[in-house]
């Protein structure tokens, strides 16, 4: 039935849809949002992550690497030559402090179902289920389709979190097997959207309009100071969403700094270091502004 490349499975998730859920995080995303808190989700490939505070600098990983792909760049950092590395895992097996780890692993539908079945009783009691998130699940559409069918055969409630930047045909194909869409909406102005995410928002808005015609959708808005929390963007967002049929709820996801350290561990550059989380008063004001359009607005998932 094929495999998917994922970077995490989170059990007892309570911020990824209703009830207690199991959330599966697919690797790979078509957007490159400047504020992304999960940089390990962006690349559709396996990666290494290095935790310098765990490293014993025993160089066991260097000795274990038959390809000579690992070097000490300085006394507090190791560098992995991606051109030489074949992800055999020998270095990780020798790293007893777990300073060196893979990000990304393949999983099949049957293994995924076994994970879901562990918590089936919790799903029933809490009206929860499973959520496919990312990254972007629709970048691996064949596996997603197969997994959703398998979930429905087990009578599991299903949700997909998507950025919406996918061909409509892929979204339309899975709709009969999805109970809820968690739809990310970031900026209404196309130029600002392209500048801060790397892509236009035209396809995203077009897909949301089609989806909200027939399906239940919760819109998720990351609230990023100085980028999308201004009154104009919030007003335009409220006006736009109020015209769509199946949207009753908005989740505000305030910006946080918890993902910044991941960029350093992945050797990636983070550009928003000067932005701080929004003040509680600003979150409250945005919540009230969107509630004026008749929506239920929650802070968090």
C-alpha atoms as a PDB file:
ATOM      1  CA  UNK A   1       0.000   0.000   0.000  1.00  0.00           C
ATOM      2  CA  UNK A   2       3.027   2.303  -0.066  1.00  0.00           C
ATOM      3  CA  UNK A   3       4.777   4.401   2.533  1.00  0.00           C
ATOM      4  CA  UNK A   4       4.745   7.981   3.760  1.00  0.00           C
ATOM      5  CA  UNK A   5       7.626  10.071   5.041  1.00  0.00           C
ATOM      6  CA  UNK A   6       6.656  11.507   8.425  1.00  0.00           C
ATOM      7  CA  UNK A   7       8.575  13.282  11.176  1.00  0.00           C
ATOM      8  CA  UNK A   8       6.374  12.631  14.197  1.00  0.00           C
ATOM      9  CA  UNK A   9       3.332  10.878  15.630  1.00  0.00           C
ATOM     10  CA  UNK A  10       1.806  12.570  18.660  1.00  0.00           C
ATOM     11  CA  UNK A  11      -0.591  10.613  20.844  1.00  0.00           C
ATOM     12  CA  UNK A  12      -3.103  12.252  23.203  1.00  0.00           C
ATOM     13  CA  UNK A  13      -3.078  15.411  21.077  1.00  0.00           C
ATOM     14  CA  UNK A  14      -5.669  17.961  22.211  1.00  0.00           C
ATOM     15  CA  UNK A  15      -4.826  20.899  19.920  1.00  0.00           C
ATOM     16  CA  UNK A  16      -5.271  19.238  16.539  1.00  0.00           C
ATOM     17  CA  UNK A  17      -9.030  18.916  16.322  1.00  0.00           C
ATOM     18  CA  UNK A  18     -11.822  17.916  18.731  1.00  0.00           C
ATOM     19  CA  UNK A  19     -11.335  15.463  21.578  1.00  0.00           C
ATOM     20  CA  UNK A  20      -8.270  13.327  22.217  1.00  0.00           C
ATOM     21  CA  UNK A  21      -6.489  12.556  18.964  1.00  0.00           C
ATOM     22  CA  UNK A  22      -3.461  10.974  17.392  1.00  0.00           C
ATOM     23  CA  UNK A  23      -1.731  13.463  15.103  1.00  0.00           C
ATOM     24  CA  UNK A  24       0.508  12.319  12.256  1.00  0.00           C
ATOM     25  CA  UNK A  25       2.962  14.907  10.933  1.00  0.00           C
ATOM     26  CA  UNK A  26       3.955  14.478   7.290  1.00  0.00           C
ATOM     27  CA  UNK A  27       7.306  15.732   6.047  1.00  0.00           C
ATOM     28  CA  UNK A  28       7.438  18.300   3.272  1.00  0.00           C
ATOM     29  CA  UNK A  29       5.649  21.622   2.788  1.00  0.00           C
ATOM     30  CA  UNK A  30       5.115  23.838  -0.306  1.00  0.00           C
ATOM     31  CA  UNK A  31       5.239  26.990   1.845  1.00  0.00           C
ATOM     32  CA  UNK A  32       8.232  28.512   3.614  1.00  0.00           C
ATOM     33  CA  UNK A  33       6.569  30.650   6.284  1.00  0.00           C
ATOM     34  CA  UNK A  34       9.088  32.883   8.027  1.00  0.00           C
ATOM     35  CA  UNK A  35       7.637  32.048  11.460  1.00  0.00           C
ATOM     36  CA  UNK A  36       7.395  28.255  10.999  1.00  0.00           C
ATOM     37  CA  UNK A  37       7.805  26.564  14.392  1.00  0.00           C
ATOM     38  CA  UNK A  38       8.522  23.167  12.819  1.00  0.00           C
ATOM     39  CA  UNK A  39      11.402  23.671  10.365  1.00  0.00           C
ATOM     40  CA  UNK A  40      11.903  19.904  10.351  1.00  0.00           C
ATOM     41  CA  UNK A  41       8.585  19.671   8.489  1.00  0.00           C
ATOM     42  CA  UNK A  42       9.650  21.750   5.489  1.00  0.00           C
ATOM     43  CA  UNK A  43      11.970  19.479   3.510  1.00  0.00           C
ATOM     44  CA  UNK A  44      10.565  16.346   1.850  1.00  0.00           C
ATOM     45  CA  UNK A  45      13.608  14.276   2.763  1.00  0.00           C
ATOM     46  CA  UNK A  46      15.307  12.763   5.779  1.00  0.00           C
ATOM     47  CA  UNK A  47      17.488  15.139   7.770  1.00  0.00           C
ATOM     48  CA  UNK A  48      19.882  15.064  10.687  1.00  0.00           C
ATOM     49  CA  UNK A  49      19.337  17.141  13.769  1.00  0.00           C
ATOM     50  CA  UNK A  50      22.272  17.829  16.107  1.00  0.00           C
ATOM     51  CA  UNK A  51      21.843  18.698  19.789  1.00  0.00           C
ATOM     52  CA  UNK A  52      25.151  20.330  20.860  1.00  0.00           C
ATOM     53  CA  UNK A  53      24.149  20.471  24.530  1.00  0.00           C
ATOM     54  CA  UNK A  54      23.866  16.661  24.568  1.00  0.00           C
ATOM     55  CA  UNK A  55      27.073  15.945  22.675  1.00  0.00           C
ATOM     56  CA  UNK A  56      29.943  14.319  24.627  1.00  0.00           C
ATOM     57  CA  UNK A  57      32.400  15.090  21.799  1.00  0.00           C
ATOM     58  CA  UNK A  58      33.671  11.549  21.970  1.00  0.00           C
ATOM     59  CA  UNK A  59      33.714  11.410  18.153  1.00  0.00           C
ATOM     60  CA  UNK A  60      32.159   7.928  18.139  1.00  0.00           C
ATOM     61  CA  UNK A  61      29.851   9.083  15.338  1.00  0.00           C
ATOM     62  CA  UNK A  62      32.835  10.133  13.212  1.00  0.00           C
ATOM     63  CA  UNK A  63      34.510   6.776  13.729  1.00  0.00           C
ATOM     64  CA  UNK A  64      31.289   4.929  12.878  1.00  0.00           C
ATOM     65  CA  UNK A  65      30.717   6.783   9.588  1.00  0.00           C
ATOM     66  CA  UNK A  66      32.172   4.678   6.763  1.00  0.00           C
ATOM     67  CA  UNK A  67      31.505   7.474   4.271  1.00  0.00           C
ATOM     68  CA  UNK A  68      33.488  10.127   6.137  1.00  0.00           C
ATOM     69  CA  UNK A  69      30.418  12.371   6.090  1.00  0.00           C
ATOM     70  CA  UNK A  70      30.766  13.808   9.629  1.00  0.00           C
ATOM     71  CA  UNK A  71      33.352  16.361  10.714  1.00  0.00           C
ATOM     72  CA  UNK A  72      33.860  18.604  13.731  1.00  0.00           C
ATOM     73  CA  UNK A  73      33.293  22.107  12.387  1.00  0.00           C
ATOM     74  CA  UNK A  74      34.331  23.614  15.716  1.00  0.00           C
ATOM     75  CA  UNK A  75      34.300  22.632  19.372  1.00  0.00           C
ATOM     76  CA  UNK A  76      30.521  23.098  19.631  1.00  0.00           C
ATOM     77  CA  UNK A  77      29.262  21.880  16.279  1.00  0.00           C
ATOM     78  CA  UNK A  78      29.355  18.927  13.938  1.00  0.00           C
ATOM     79  CA  UNK A  79      28.776  19.122  10.212  1.00  0.00           C
ATOM     80  CA  UNK A  80      27.283  16.407   8.023  1.00  0.00           C
ATOM     81  CA  UNK A  81      28.073  16.331   4.321  1.00  0.00           C
ATOM     82  CA  UNK A  82      24.713  15.522   2.733  1.00  0.00           C
ATOM     83  CA  UNK A  83      26.431  14.486  -0.498  1.00  0.00           C
ATOM     84  CA  UNK A  84      28.347  11.728   1.252  1.00  0.00           C
ATOM     85  CA  UNK A  85      25.708  10.596   3.785  1.00  0.00           C
ATOM     86  CA  UNK A  86      23.525   7.625   2.836  1.00  0.00           C
ATOM     87  CA  UNK A  87      21.471   7.709   6.089  1.00  0.00           C
ATOM     88  CA  UNK A  88      22.632   4.229   7.102  1.00  0.00           C
ATOM     89  CA  UNK A  89      22.202   5.166  10.780  1.00  0.00           C
ATOM     90  CA  UNK A  90      25.547   3.816  12.021  1.00  0.00           C
ATOM     91  CA  UNK A  91      26.455   7.147  13.589  1.00  0.00           C
ATOM     92  CA  UNK A  92      23.148   7.370  15.446  1.00  0.00           C
ATOM     93  CA  UNK A  93      23.548   3.871  16.866  1.00  0.00           C
ATOM     94  CA  UNK A  94      26.942   4.863  18.268  1.00  0.00           C
ATOM     95  CA  UNK A  95      25.694   8.149  19.745  1.00  0.00           C
ATOM     96  CA  UNK A  96      24.778   7.084  23.286  1.00  0.00           C
ATOM     97  CA  UNK A  97      23.863  10.636  24.352  1.00  0.00           C
ATOM     98  CA  UNK A  98      21.299  10.936  21.514  1.00  0.00           C
ATOM     99  CA  UNK A  99      22.920  14.167  20.343  1.00  0.00           C
ATOM    100  CA  UNK A 100      22.576  13.056  16.728  1.00  0.00           C
ATOM    101  CA  UNK A 101      19.169  11.992  15.434  1.00  0.00           C
ATOM    102  CA  UNK A 102      17.281  11.399  12.213  1.00  0.00           C
ATOM    103  CA  UNK A 103      14.300  13.575  11.358  1.00  0.00           C
ATOM    104  CA  UNK A 104      11.983  11.669   9.063  1.00  0.00           C
ATOM    105  CA  UNK A 105      11.023   8.038   8.786  1.00  0.00           C
ATOM    106  CA  UNK A 106       8.920   5.945   6.477  1.00  0.00           C
ATOM    107  CA  UNK A 107       5.703   4.387   7.713  1.00  0.00           C
ATOM    108  CA  UNK A 108       3.084   2.173   6.099  1.00  0.00           C
ATOM    109  CA  UNK A 109      -0.685   2.247   6.460  1.00  0.00           C
ATOM    110  CA  UNK A 110      -0.815  -0.940   8.528  1.00  0.00           C
ATOM    111  CA  UNK A 111       1.738   0.358  11.036  1.00  0.00           C
ATOM    112  CA  UNK A 112      -0.135   3.640  11.247  1.00  0.00           C
ATOM    113  CA  UNK A 113      -3.405   1.844  11.982  1.00  0.00           C
ATOM    114  CA  UNK A 114      -1.743  -0.116  14.772  1.00  0.00           C
ATOM    115  CA  UNK A 115      -0.750   3.221  16.340  1.00  0.00           C
ATOM    116  CA  UNK A 116      -4.315   4.511  16.042  1.00  0.00           C
ATOM    117  CA  UNK A 117      -5.887   1.414  17.540  1.00  0.00           C
ATOM    118  CA  UNK A 118      -3.857   1.856  20.738  1.00  0.00           C
ATOM    119  CA  UNK A 119      -6.030   4.835  21.658  1.00  0.00           C
ATOM    120  CA  UNK A 120      -9.329   3.888  20.081  1.00  0.00           C
ATOM    121  CA  UNK A 121     -11.134   3.865  23.426  1.00  0.00           C
ATOM    122  CA  UNK A 122      -9.976   7.426  24.108  1.00  0.00           C
ATOM    123  CA  UNK A 123     -11.341   8.526  20.738  1.00  0.00           C
ATOM    124  CA  UNK A 124     -14.796   7.177  21.519  1.00  0.00           C
ATOM    125  CA  UNK A 125     -14.953   8.671  25.012  1.00  0.00           C
ATOM    126  CA  UNK A 126     -13.722  12.148  24.006  1.00  0.00           C
ATOM    127  CA  UNK A 127     -15.247  12.309  20.509  1.00  0.00           C
ATOM    128  CA  UNK A 128     -11.719  12.481  19.149  1.00  0.00           C
ATOM    129  CA  UNK A 129      -9.941  10.686  16.345  1.00  0.00           C
ATOM    130  CA  UNK A 130      -6.935  11.049  14.077  1.00  0.00           C
ATOM    131  CA  UNK A 131      -5.458  14.139  12.419  1.00  0.00           C
ATOM    132  CA  UNK A 132      -3.152  14.205   9.420  1.00  0.00           C
ATOM    133  CA  UNK A 133      -0.936  17.275   9.646  1.00  0.00           C
ATOM    134  CA  UNK A 134       2.511  18.364   8.563  1.00  0.00           C
ATOM    135  CA  UNK A 135       4.193  19.844   6.733  1.00  0.00           C
ATOM    136  CA  UNK A 136       1.513  19.278   4.166  1.00  0.00           C
ATOM    137  CA  UNK A 137      -0.290  15.897   3.985  1.00  0.00           C
ATOM    138  CA  UNK A 138      -1.416  16.522   0.402  1.00  0.00           C
ATOM    139  CA  UNK A 139       2.195  16.373  -0.815  1.00  0.00           C
ATOM    140  CA  UNK A 140       1.848  12.598  -0.316  1.00  0.00           C
ATOM    141  CA  UNK A 141      -1.687  12.217  -1.706  1.00  0.00           C
ATOM    142  CA  UNK A 142      -1.733   8.517  -2.584  1.00  0.00           C
ATOM    143  CA  UNK A 143      -0.712   7.455   0.901  1.00  0.00           C
ATOM    144  CA  UNK A 144      -3.087   9.967   2.475  1.00  0.00           C
ATOM    145  CA  UNK A 145      -5.968   8.568   0.422  1.00  0.00           C
ATOM    146  CA  UNK A 146      -5.163   4.986   1.438  1.00  0.00           C
ATOM    147  CA  UNK A 147      -4.760   5.916   5.107  1.00  0.00           C
ATOM    148  CA  UNK A 148      -8.088   7.760   5.195  1.00  0.00           C
ATOM    149  CA  UNK A 149      -9.950   4.824   3.671  1.00  0.00           C
ATOM    150  CA  UNK A 150      -8.375   2.510   6.260  1.00  0.00           C
ATOM    151  CA  UNK A 151      -9.411   4.892   9.058  1.00  0.00           C
ATOM    152  CA  UNK A 152     -13.001   4.922   7.843  1.00  0.00           C
ATOM    153  CA  UNK A 153     -13.060   1.131   7.746  1.00  0.00           C
ATOM    154  CA  UNK A 154     -12.206   1.344  11.465  1.00  0.00           C
ATOM    155  CA  UNK A 155     -14.921   4.001  11.944  1.00  0.00           C
ATOM    156  CA  UNK A 156     -12.425   6.632  13.111  1.00  0.00           C
ATOM    157  CA  UNK A 157     -13.114  10.369  13.028  1.00  0.00           C
ATOM    158  CA  UNK A 158     -10.658  11.959  10.594  1.00  0.00           C
ATOM    159  CA  UNK A 159      -9.258  15.458  10.238  1.00  0.00           C
ATOM    160  CA  UNK A 160      -6.704  17.008   7.897  1.00  0.00           C
ATOM    161  CA  UNK A 161      -4.728  20.147   8.610  1.00  0.00           C
ATOM    162  CA  UNK A 162      -3.692  21.773   5.348  1.00  0.00           C
ATOM    163  CA  UNK A 163      -2.107  24.977   4.111  1.00  0.00           C
ATOM    164  CA  UNK A 164      -4.462  24.749   1.112  1.00  0.00           C
ATOM    165  CA  UNK A 165      -1.720  25.223  -1.493  1.00  0.00           C
ATOM    166  CA  UNK A 166      -2.537  21.994  -3.324  1.00  0.00           C
ATOM    167  CA  UNK A 167      -4.363  21.077  -6.555  1.00  0.00           C
ATOM    168  CA  UNK A 168      -8.110  20.965  -5.920  1.00  0.00           C
ATOM    169  CA  UNK A 169      -8.344  17.510  -7.493  1.00  0.00           C
ATOM    170  CA  UNK A 170      -6.238  16.027  -4.681  1.00  0.00           C
ATOM    171  CA  UNK A 171      -8.369  17.653  -2.012  1.00  0.00           C
ATOM    172  CA  UNK A 172     -11.637  16.718  -3.707  1.00  0.00           C
ATOM    173  CA  UNK A 173     -10.620  13.059  -3.992  1.00  0.00           C
ATOM    174  CA  UNK A 174     -10.299  12.541  -0.225  1.00  0.00           C
ATOM    175  CA  UNK A 175     -13.310  14.608   0.861  1.00  0.00           C
ATOM    176  CA  UNK A 176     -15.684  11.616   1.303  1.00  0.00           C
ATOM    177  CA  UNK A 177     -13.315  10.207   3.935  1.00  0.00           C
ATOM    178  CA  UNK A 178     -12.621  13.422   5.907  1.00  0.00           C
ATOM    179  CA  UNK A 179     -14.876  14.620   8.733  1.00  0.00           C
ATOM    180  CA  UNK A 180     -13.119  17.916   9.384  1.00  0.00           C
ATOM    181  CA  UNK A 181     -10.625  20.196   7.675  1.00  0.00           C
ATOM    182  CA  UNK A 182      -8.318  22.431   9.718  1.00  0.00           C
ATOM    183  CA  UNK A 183      -7.464  25.112   7.176  1.00  0.00           C
ATOM    184  CA  UNK A 184      -4.542  27.495   7.647  1.00  0.00           C
ATOM    185  CA  UNK A 185      -5.180  31.114   6.677  1.00  0.00           C
ATOM    186  CA  UNK A 186      -2.396  33.622   7.134  1.00  0.00           C
ATOM    187  CA  UNK A 187      -2.673  36.804   5.083  1.00  0.00           C
ATOM    188  CA  UNK A 188      -5.349  38.315   2.838  1.00  0.00           C
ATOM    189  CA  UNK A 189      -3.006  40.572   0.848  1.00  0.00           C
ATOM    190  CA  UNK A 190      -1.391  38.527  -1.934  1.00  0.00           C
ATOM    191  CA  UNK A 191       1.888  40.444  -2.043  1.00  0.00           C
ATOM    192  CA  UNK A 192       2.364  40.170   1.718  1.00  0.00           C
ATOM    193  CA  UNK A 193       1.433  36.486   1.568  1.00  0.00           C
ATOM    194  CA  UNK A 194       4.010  35.813  -1.125  1.00  0.00           C
ATOM    195  CA  UNK A 195       6.670  37.804   0.745  1.00  0.00           C
ATOM    196  CA  UNK A 196       6.142  35.967   4.050  1.00  0.00           C
ATOM    197  CA  UNK A 197       5.310  32.428   2.876  1.00  0.00           C
ATOM    198  CA  UNK A 198       6.977  32.176  -0.521  1.00  0.00           C
ATOM    199  CA  UNK A 199       3.742  31.573  -2.464  1.00  0.00           C
ATOM    200  CA  UNK A 200       0.619  33.387  -3.644  1.00  0.00           C
ATOM    201  CA  UNK A 201      -2.615  32.963  -1.662  1.00  0.00           C
ATOM    202  CA  UNK A 202      -4.870  32.752  -4.752  1.00  0.00           C
ATOM    203  CA  UNK A 203      -5.017  28.952  -4.873  1.00  0.00           C
ATOM    204  CA  UNK A 204      -5.399  28.794  -1.084  1.00  0.00           C
ATOM    205  CA  UNK A 205      -8.426  31.092  -1.117  1.00  0.00           C
ATOM    206  CA  UNK A 206      -9.973  29.381  -4.147  1.00  0.00           C
ATOM    207  CA  UNK A 207      -9.704  25.967  -2.495  1.00  0.00           C
ATOM    208  CA  UNK A 208     -11.152  27.267   0.767  1.00  0.00           C
ATOM    209  CA  UNK A 209     -14.167  28.683  -1.048  1.00  0.00           C
ATOM    210  CA  UNK A 210     -14.881  25.342  -2.738  1.00  0.00           C
ATOM    211  CA  UNK A 211     -14.256  23.351   0.426  1.00  0.00           C
ATOM    212  CA  UNK A 212     -16.464  25.517   2.634  1.00  0.00           C
ATOM    213  CA  UNK A 213     -19.364  24.957   0.248  1.00  0.00           C
ATOM    214  CA  UNK A 214     -19.815  21.365   1.386  1.00  0.00           C
ATOM    215  CA  UNK A 215     -17.486  20.506   4.259  1.00  0.00           C
ATOM    216  CA  UNK A 216     -17.030  21.497   7.871  1.00  0.00           C
ATOM    217  CA  UNK A 217     -13.947  23.672   8.194  1.00  0.00           C
ATOM    218  CA  UNK A 218     -12.150  25.215  11.155  1.00  0.00           C
ATOM    219  CA  UNK A 219      -9.910  28.073  10.042  1.00  0.00           C
ATOM    220  CA  UNK A 220      -6.583  28.337  11.851  1.00  0.00           C
ATOM    221  CA  UNK A 221      -4.854  31.717  11.928  1.00  0.00           C
ATOM    222  CA  UNK A 222      -1.261  32.025  13.164  1.00  0.00           C
ATOM    223  CA  UNK A 223      -1.065  35.414  14.858  1.00  0.00           C
ATOM    224  CA  UNK A 224       2.325  36.938  14.047  1.00  0.00           C
ATOM    225  CA  UNK A 225       3.134  40.452  15.334  1.00  0.00           C
ATOM    226  CA  UNK A 226       4.069  42.968  12.625  1.00  0.00           C
ATOM    227  CA  UNK A 227       3.174  40.480   9.893  1.00  0.00           C
ATOM    228  CA  UNK A 228      -0.545  39.619  10.037  1.00  0.00           C
ATOM    229  CA  UNK A 229      -1.969  40.951  13.316  1.00  0.00           C
ATOM    230  CA  UNK A 230      -2.777  44.418  11.964  1.00  0.00           C
ATOM    231  CA  UNK A 231      -6.354  45.676  11.972  1.00  0.00           C
ATOM    232  CA  UNK A 232      -6.625  45.720   8.171  1.00  0.00           C
ATOM    233  CA  UNK A 233      -5.700  42.048   7.761  1.00  0.00           C
ATOM    234  CA  UNK A 234      -7.966  40.937  10.608  1.00  0.00           C
ATOM    235  CA  UNK A 235     -10.908  42.962   9.246  1.00  0.00           C
ATOM    236  CA  UNK A 236     -10.430  41.647   5.693  1.00  0.00           C
ATOM    237  CA  UNK A 237     -10.152  38.111   7.023  1.00  0.00           C
ATOM    238  CA  UNK A 238     -13.374  38.432   9.017  1.00  0.00           C
ATOM    239  CA  UNK A 239     -15.260  39.931   6.066  1.00  0.00           C
ATOM    240  CA  UNK A 240     -14.015  37.231   3.712  1.00  0.00           C
ATOM    241  CA  UNK A 241     -14.744  34.271   5.988  1.00  0.00           C
ATOM    242  CA  UNK A 242     -18.198  35.559   6.907  1.00  0.00           C
ATOM    243  CA  UNK A 243     -19.238  35.038   3.277  1.00  0.00           C
ATOM    244  CA  UNK A 244     -18.404  31.321   3.314  1.00  0.00           C
ATOM    245  CA  UNK A 245     -20.985  28.711   4.287  1.00  0.00           C
ATOM    246  CA  UNK A 246     -19.465  25.972   6.432  1.00  0.00           C
ATOM    247  CA  UNK A 247     -17.106  28.017   8.625  1.00  0.00           C
ATOM    248  CA  UNK A 248     -18.295  28.552  12.170  1.00  0.00           C
ATOM    249  CA  UNK A 249     -15.047  28.484  14.120  1.00  0.00           C
ATOM    250  CA  UNK A 250     -11.652  30.173  13.996  1.00  0.00           C
ATOM    251  CA  UNK A 251      -8.596  29.100  15.978  1.00  0.00           C
ATOM    252  CA  UNK A 252      -6.035  31.800  16.787  1.00  0.00           C
ATOM    253  CA  UNK A 253      -2.519  30.399  17.143  1.00  0.00           C
ATOM    254  CA  UNK A 254      -0.322  33.072  18.771  1.00  0.00           C
ATOM    255  CA  UNK A 255       3.293  33.203  17.674  1.00  0.00           C
ATOM    256  CA  UNK A 256       5.822  31.642  20.062  1.00  0.00           C
ATOM    257  CA  UNK A 257       9.588  31.218  20.141  1.00  0.00           C
ATOM    258  CA  UNK A 258       9.746  27.501  20.947  1.00  0.00           C
ATOM    259  CA  UNK A 259      10.880  26.518  17.460  1.00  0.00           C
ATOM    260  CA  UNK A 260      13.848  28.867  17.162  1.00  0.00           C
ATOM    261  CA  UNK A 261      16.349  26.412  18.658  1.00  0.00           C
ATOM    262  CA  UNK A 262      15.348  23.826  16.054  1.00  0.00           C
ATOM    263  CA  UNK A 263      16.713  26.045  13.286  1.00  0.00           C
ATOM    264  CA  UNK A 264      20.131  26.059  14.901  1.00  0.00           C
ATOM    265  CA  UNK A 265      20.074  22.282  15.382  1.00  0.00           C
ATOM    266  CA  UNK A 266      19.101  21.790  11.731  1.00  0.00           C
ATOM    267  CA  UNK A 267      21.673  24.345  10.523  1.00  0.00           C
ATOM    268  CA  UNK A 268      18.921  26.560   9.123  1.00  0.00           C
ATOM    269  CA  UNK A 269      18.627  30.334   9.283  1.00  0.00           C
ATOM    270  CA  UNK A 270      15.813  31.924  11.308  1.00  0.00           C
ATOM    271  CA  UNK A 271      14.922  35.466  10.238  1.00  0.00           C
ATOM    272  CA  UNK A 272      12.342  36.609  12.820  1.00  0.00           C
ATOM    273  CA  UNK A 273      14.515  36.763  15.917  1.00  0.00           C
ATOM    274  CA  UNK A 274      13.389  40.303  16.698  1.00  0.00           C
ATOM    275  CA  UNK A 275       9.690  39.416  16.818  1.00  0.00           C
ATOM    276  CA  UNK A 276       8.201  38.599  20.205  1.00  0.00           C
ATOM    277  CA  UNK A 277       4.951  36.750  21.041  1.00  0.00           C
ATOM    278  CA  UNK A 278       1.839  38.940  20.904  1.00  0.00           C
ATOM    279  CA  UNK A 279       0.719  40.549  24.141  1.00  0.00           C
ATOM    280  CA  UNK A 280      -2.343  38.997  25.820  1.00  0.00           C
ATOM    281  CA  UNK A 281      -4.216  42.261  25.247  1.00  0.00           C
ATOM    282  CA  UNK A 282      -3.591  42.093  21.491  1.00  0.00           C
ATOM    283  CA  UNK A 283      -4.738  38.459  21.330  1.00  0.00           C
ATOM    284  CA  UNK A 284      -7.897  39.434  23.198  1.00  0.00           C
ATOM    285  CA  UNK A 285      -8.573  42.332  20.796  1.00  0.00           C
ATOM    286  CA  UNK A 286      -8.122  40.156  17.692  1.00  0.00           C
ATOM    287  CA  UNK A 287     -10.412  37.528  19.190  1.00  0.00           C
ATOM    288  CA  UNK A 288     -13.113  40.116  19.834  1.00  0.00           C
ATOM    289  CA  UNK A 289     -12.722  41.637  16.359  1.00  0.00           C
ATOM    290  CA  UNK A 290     -13.306  38.258  14.690  1.00  0.00           C
ATOM    291  CA  UNK A 291     -16.189  37.397  17.009  1.00  0.00           C
ATOM    292  CA  UNK A 292     -18.019  40.468  15.692  1.00  0.00           C
ATOM    293  CA  UNK A 293     -18.418  38.590  12.407  1.00  0.00           C
ATOM    294  CA  UNK A 294     -20.356  35.826  14.195  1.00  0.00           C
ATOM    295  CA  UNK A 295     -17.602  33.258  14.613  1.00  0.00           C
ATOM    296  CA  UNK A 296     -16.702  31.157  17.583  1.00  0.00           C
ATOM    297  CA  UNK A 297     -13.061  32.058  18.192  1.00  0.00           C
ATOM    298  CA  UNK A 298     -10.709  29.949  20.296  1.00  0.00           C
ATOM    299  CA  UNK A 299      -7.150  30.763  21.242  1.00  0.00           C
ATOM    300  CA  UNK A 300      -5.154  27.626  20.501  1.00  0.00           C
ATOM    301  CA  UNK A 301      -6.370  24.489  18.720  1.00  0.00           C
END
